[in-house]
């Protein structure tokens, strides 16, 4: 019996939140460690770039409260559209 990735995903998405989180962790852990190191390096480079942008004044920061308010507003407008 061959199960497609779409069928697996459909089944996985029907699981409770906690089970989906555990499954996601297991899948991430199964990835190639060498690839994981490469991805970590990319994220580190991105984090440093963002820190430099904030420190130089190129990008202004906002409070976490404002950021979440913007996300909620965007989510609501996307649901209404």
N, C-alpha and C. Protein backbone atom coordinates (compact mmCIF):
# COMPACT_ATOMS: atom_id res chain seq x y z
N UNK A 1 0.84 -1.18 0.00
CA UNK A 1 0.00 0.00 0.00
C UNK A 1 0.89 1.24 0.00
N UNK A 2 0.75 2.05 -1.03
CA UNK A 2 1.52 3.29 -1.13
C UNK A 2 0.66 4.46 -0.67
N UNK A 3 1.17 5.20 0.29
CA UNK A 3 0.47 6.38 0.81
C UNK A 3 1.20 7.61 0.28
N UNK A 4 0.46 8.56 -0.23
CA UNK A 4 1.08 9.77 -0.76
C UNK A 4 1.38 10.76 0.36
N UNK A 5 2.25 11.68 0.08
CA UNK A 5 2.57 12.73 1.05
C UNK A 5 1.32 13.53 1.37
N UNK A 6 0.49 13.77 0.39
CA UNK A 6 -0.75 14.52 0.62
C UNK A 6 -1.67 13.78 1.59
N UNK A 7 -1.76 12.46 1.47
CA UNK A 7 -2.58 11.67 2.39
C UNK A 7 -2.01 11.71 3.81
N UNK A 8 -0.70 11.62 3.90
CA UNK A 8 -0.05 11.70 5.23
C UNK A 8 -0.31 13.07 5.85
N UNK A 9 -0.16 14.11 5.05
CA UNK A 9 -0.38 15.47 5.55
C UNK A 9 -1.82 15.64 6.01
N UNK A 10 -2.76 15.14 5.24
CA UNK A 10 -4.17 15.25 5.60
C UNK A 10 -4.44 14.57 6.95
N UNK A 11 -3.89 13.36 7.12
CA UNK A 11 -4.04 12.65 8.38
C UNK A 11 -3.37 13.41 9.53
N UNK A 12 -2.16 13.90 9.27
CA UNK A 12 -1.42 14.62 10.31
C UNK A 12 -2.17 15.87 10.75
N UNK A 13 -2.76 16.58 9.80
CA UNK A 13 -3.47 17.81 10.13
C UNK A 13 -4.75 17.55 10.92
N UNK A 14 -5.23 16.33 10.91
CA UNK A 14 -6.43 16.01 11.68
C UNK A 14 -6.10 15.66 13.14
N UNK A 15 -4.80 15.56 13.46
CA UNK A 15 -4.38 15.26 14.83
C UNK A 15 -4.58 16.47 15.74
N UNK A 16 -4.68 16.24 17.04
CA UNK A 16 -4.72 17.37 17.98
C UNK A 16 -3.41 18.16 17.92
N UNK A 17 -3.46 19.40 18.36
CA UNK A 17 -2.29 20.30 18.30
C UNK A 17 -1.04 19.70 18.90
N UNK A 18 -1.16 19.11 20.08
CA UNK A 18 0.01 18.58 20.75
C UNK A 18 0.64 17.45 19.93
N UNK A 19 -0.18 16.59 19.35
CA UNK A 19 0.34 15.49 18.53
C UNK A 19 1.01 16.03 17.27
N UNK A 20 0.44 17.08 16.67
CA UNK A 20 1.06 17.69 15.48
C UNK A 20 2.42 18.29 15.82
N UNK A 21 2.50 18.93 17.00
CA UNK A 21 3.78 19.52 17.43
C UNK A 21 4.83 18.44 17.63
N UNK A 22 4.44 17.33 18.27
CA UNK A 22 5.38 16.23 18.47
C UNK A 22 5.83 15.64 17.12
N UNK A 23 4.89 15.49 16.20
CA UNK A 23 5.22 14.98 14.88
C UNK A 23 6.17 15.92 14.15
N UNK A 24 5.90 17.21 14.24
CA UNK A 24 6.77 18.20 13.60
C UNK A 24 8.18 18.12 14.17
N UNK A 25 8.29 17.99 15.48
CA UNK A 25 9.61 17.85 16.10
C UNK A 25 10.34 16.61 15.59
N UNK A 26 9.63 15.50 15.50
CA UNK A 26 10.25 14.26 15.02
C UNK A 26 10.71 14.41 13.58
N UNK A 27 9.91 15.07 12.76
CA UNK A 27 10.29 15.25 11.35
C UNK A 27 11.52 16.15 11.23
N UNK A 28 11.55 17.22 12.00
CA UNK A 28 12.71 18.12 11.97
C UNK A 28 13.96 17.39 12.43
N UNK A 29 13.83 16.60 13.49
CA UNK A 29 14.98 15.85 14.01
C UNK A 29 15.50 14.85 12.99
N UNK A 30 14.64 14.39 12.09
CA UNK A 30 15.06 13.39 11.11
C UNK A 30 15.83 13.98 9.93
N UNK A 31 15.87 15.30 9.84
CA UNK A 31 16.57 15.93 8.72
C UNK A 31 18.07 15.72 8.84
N UNK A 32 18.74 15.81 7.74
CA UNK A 32 20.19 15.63 7.68
C UNK A 32 20.89 16.64 8.58
N UNK A 33 21.70 16.18 9.55
CA UNK A 33 22.39 17.11 10.45
C UNK A 33 23.29 18.11 9.72
N UNK A 34 23.91 17.69 8.62
CA UNK A 34 24.76 18.61 7.87
C UNK A 34 23.91 19.73 7.29
N UNK A 35 22.73 19.39 6.80
CA UNK A 35 21.83 20.40 6.26
C UNK A 35 21.35 21.32 7.37
N UNK A 36 21.09 20.75 8.55
CA UNK A 36 20.65 21.54 9.68
C UNK A 36 21.71 22.58 10.05
N UNK A 37 22.97 22.18 10.03
CA UNK A 37 24.05 23.11 10.32
C UNK A 37 24.10 24.24 9.32
N UNK A 38 23.88 23.91 8.06
CA UNK A 38 23.87 24.93 7.00
C UNK A 38 22.72 25.90 7.23
N UNK A 39 21.55 25.38 7.57
CA UNK A 39 20.38 26.23 7.82
C UNK A 39 20.63 27.12 9.03
N UNK A 40 21.24 26.58 10.06
CA UNK A 40 21.57 27.39 11.25
C UNK A 40 22.51 28.53 10.87
N UNK A 41 23.47 28.24 10.02
CA UNK A 41 24.42 29.27 9.57
C UNK A 41 23.68 30.38 8.81
N UNK A 42 22.73 29.99 7.97
CA UNK A 42 21.95 30.99 7.23
C UNK A 42 21.14 31.86 8.16
N UNK A 43 20.51 31.24 9.18
CA UNK A 43 19.73 32.02 10.14
C UNK A 43 20.62 32.94 10.97
N UNK A 44 21.80 32.47 11.32
CA UNK A 44 22.74 33.30 12.07
C UNK A 44 23.14 34.52 11.24
N UNK A 45 23.42 34.29 9.97
CA UNK A 45 23.77 35.39 9.07
C UNK A 45 22.61 36.39 8.96
N UNK A 46 21.39 35.87 8.85
CA UNK A 46 20.20 36.73 8.77
C UNK A 46 20.01 37.52 10.06
N UNK A 47 20.19 36.87 11.20
CA UNK A 47 20.04 37.56 12.48
C UNK A 47 21.05 38.69 12.61
N UNK A 48 22.28 38.42 12.22
CA UNK A 48 23.32 39.47 12.29
C UNK A 48 22.98 40.63 11.36
N UNK A 49 22.47 40.32 10.18
CA UNK A 49 22.09 41.37 9.23
C UNK A 49 21.00 42.24 9.83
N UNK A 50 20.01 41.61 10.46
CA UNK A 50 18.90 42.36 11.05
C UNK A 50 19.38 43.21 12.23
N UNK A 51 20.27 42.67 13.05
CA UNK A 51 20.82 43.44 14.17
C UNK A 51 21.57 44.66 13.64
N UNK A 52 22.35 44.48 12.59
CA UNK A 52 23.10 45.59 12.00
C UNK A 52 22.15 46.66 11.47
N UNK A 53 21.04 46.25 10.86
CA UNK A 53 20.07 47.21 10.33
C UNK A 53 19.44 48.03 11.45
N UNK A 54 19.15 47.39 12.57
CA UNK A 54 18.55 48.11 13.71
C UNK A 54 19.58 49.05 14.31
N UNK A 55 20.79 48.56 14.53
CA UNK A 55 21.83 49.39 15.15
C UNK A 55 22.20 50.59 14.30
N UNK A 56 22.16 50.44 13.00
CA UNK A 56 22.52 51.54 12.11
C UNK A 56 21.38 52.55 11.94
N UNK A 57 20.20 52.19 12.42
CA UNK A 57 19.05 53.08 12.27
C UNK A 57 18.33 52.88 10.95
N UNK A 58 18.79 51.95 10.15
CA UNK A 58 18.15 51.68 8.86
C UNK A 58 16.73 51.13 9.05
N UNK A 59 16.53 50.41 10.15
CA UNK A 59 15.23 49.82 10.46
C UNK A 59 14.85 50.24 11.87
N UNK A 60 13.61 50.68 12.03
CA UNK A 60 13.12 51.06 13.35
C UNK A 60 12.40 49.88 13.98
N UNK A 61 12.53 49.74 15.27
CA UNK A 61 11.85 48.66 15.98
C UNK A 61 10.49 49.14 16.47
N UNK A 62 9.61 48.17 16.75
CA UNK A 62 8.33 48.47 17.37
C UNK A 62 8.17 47.51 18.53
N UNK A 63 7.27 47.83 19.45
CA UNK A 63 7.06 46.97 20.61
C UNK A 63 6.41 45.66 20.18
N UNK A 64 6.58 44.65 20.99
CA UNK A 64 5.94 43.37 20.73
C UNK A 64 4.43 43.51 20.69
N UNK A 65 3.90 44.34 21.58
CA UNK A 65 2.46 44.58 21.62
C UNK A 65 1.97 45.16 20.29
N UNK A 66 2.69 46.13 19.75
CA UNK A 66 2.31 46.72 18.46
C UNK A 66 2.45 45.70 17.33
N UNK A 67 3.49 44.89 17.38
CA UNK A 67 3.70 43.89 16.34
C UNK A 67 2.55 42.89 16.32
N UNK A 68 2.15 42.41 17.50
CA UNK A 68 1.04 41.46 17.56
C UNK A 68 -0.27 42.11 17.12
N UNK A 69 -0.46 43.37 17.45
CA UNK A 69 -1.67 44.09 17.01
C UNK A 69 -1.70 44.17 15.48
N UNK A 70 -0.57 44.43 14.86
CA UNK A 70 -0.50 44.49 13.40
C UNK A 70 -0.80 43.13 12.78
N UNK A 71 -0.28 42.07 13.39
CA UNK A 71 -0.52 40.72 12.88
C UNK A 71 -2.01 40.38 13.01
N UNK A 72 -2.60 40.70 14.17
CA UNK A 72 -4.03 40.43 14.35
C UNK A 72 -4.86 41.18 13.33
N UNK A 73 -4.53 42.45 13.10
CA UNK A 73 -5.27 43.26 12.13
C UNK A 73 -5.14 42.68 10.73
N UNK A 74 -3.93 42.28 10.36
CA UNK A 74 -3.71 41.71 9.03
C UNK A 74 -4.46 40.38 8.88
N UNK A 75 -4.48 39.59 9.94
CA UNK A 75 -5.17 38.31 9.91
C UNK A 75 -6.68 38.53 9.76
N UNK A 76 -7.21 39.46 10.50
CA UNK A 76 -8.63 39.75 10.41
C UNK A 76 -9.02 40.26 9.03
N UNK A 77 -8.22 41.15 8.47
CA UNK A 77 -8.55 41.69 7.15
C UNK A 77 -8.42 40.61 6.08
N UNK A 78 -7.50 39.66 6.26
CA UNK A 78 -7.37 38.56 5.30
C UNK A 78 -8.57 37.62 5.39
N UNK A 79 -9.10 37.44 6.59
CA UNK A 79 -10.27 36.57 6.76
C UNK A 79 -11.52 37.19 6.18
N UNK A 80 -11.62 38.50 6.26
CA UNK A 80 -12.79 39.21 5.75
C UNK A 80 -12.77 39.29 4.23
N UNK A 81 -11.58 39.39 3.66
CA UNK A 81 -11.45 39.56 2.21
C UNK A 81 -11.87 38.36 1.43
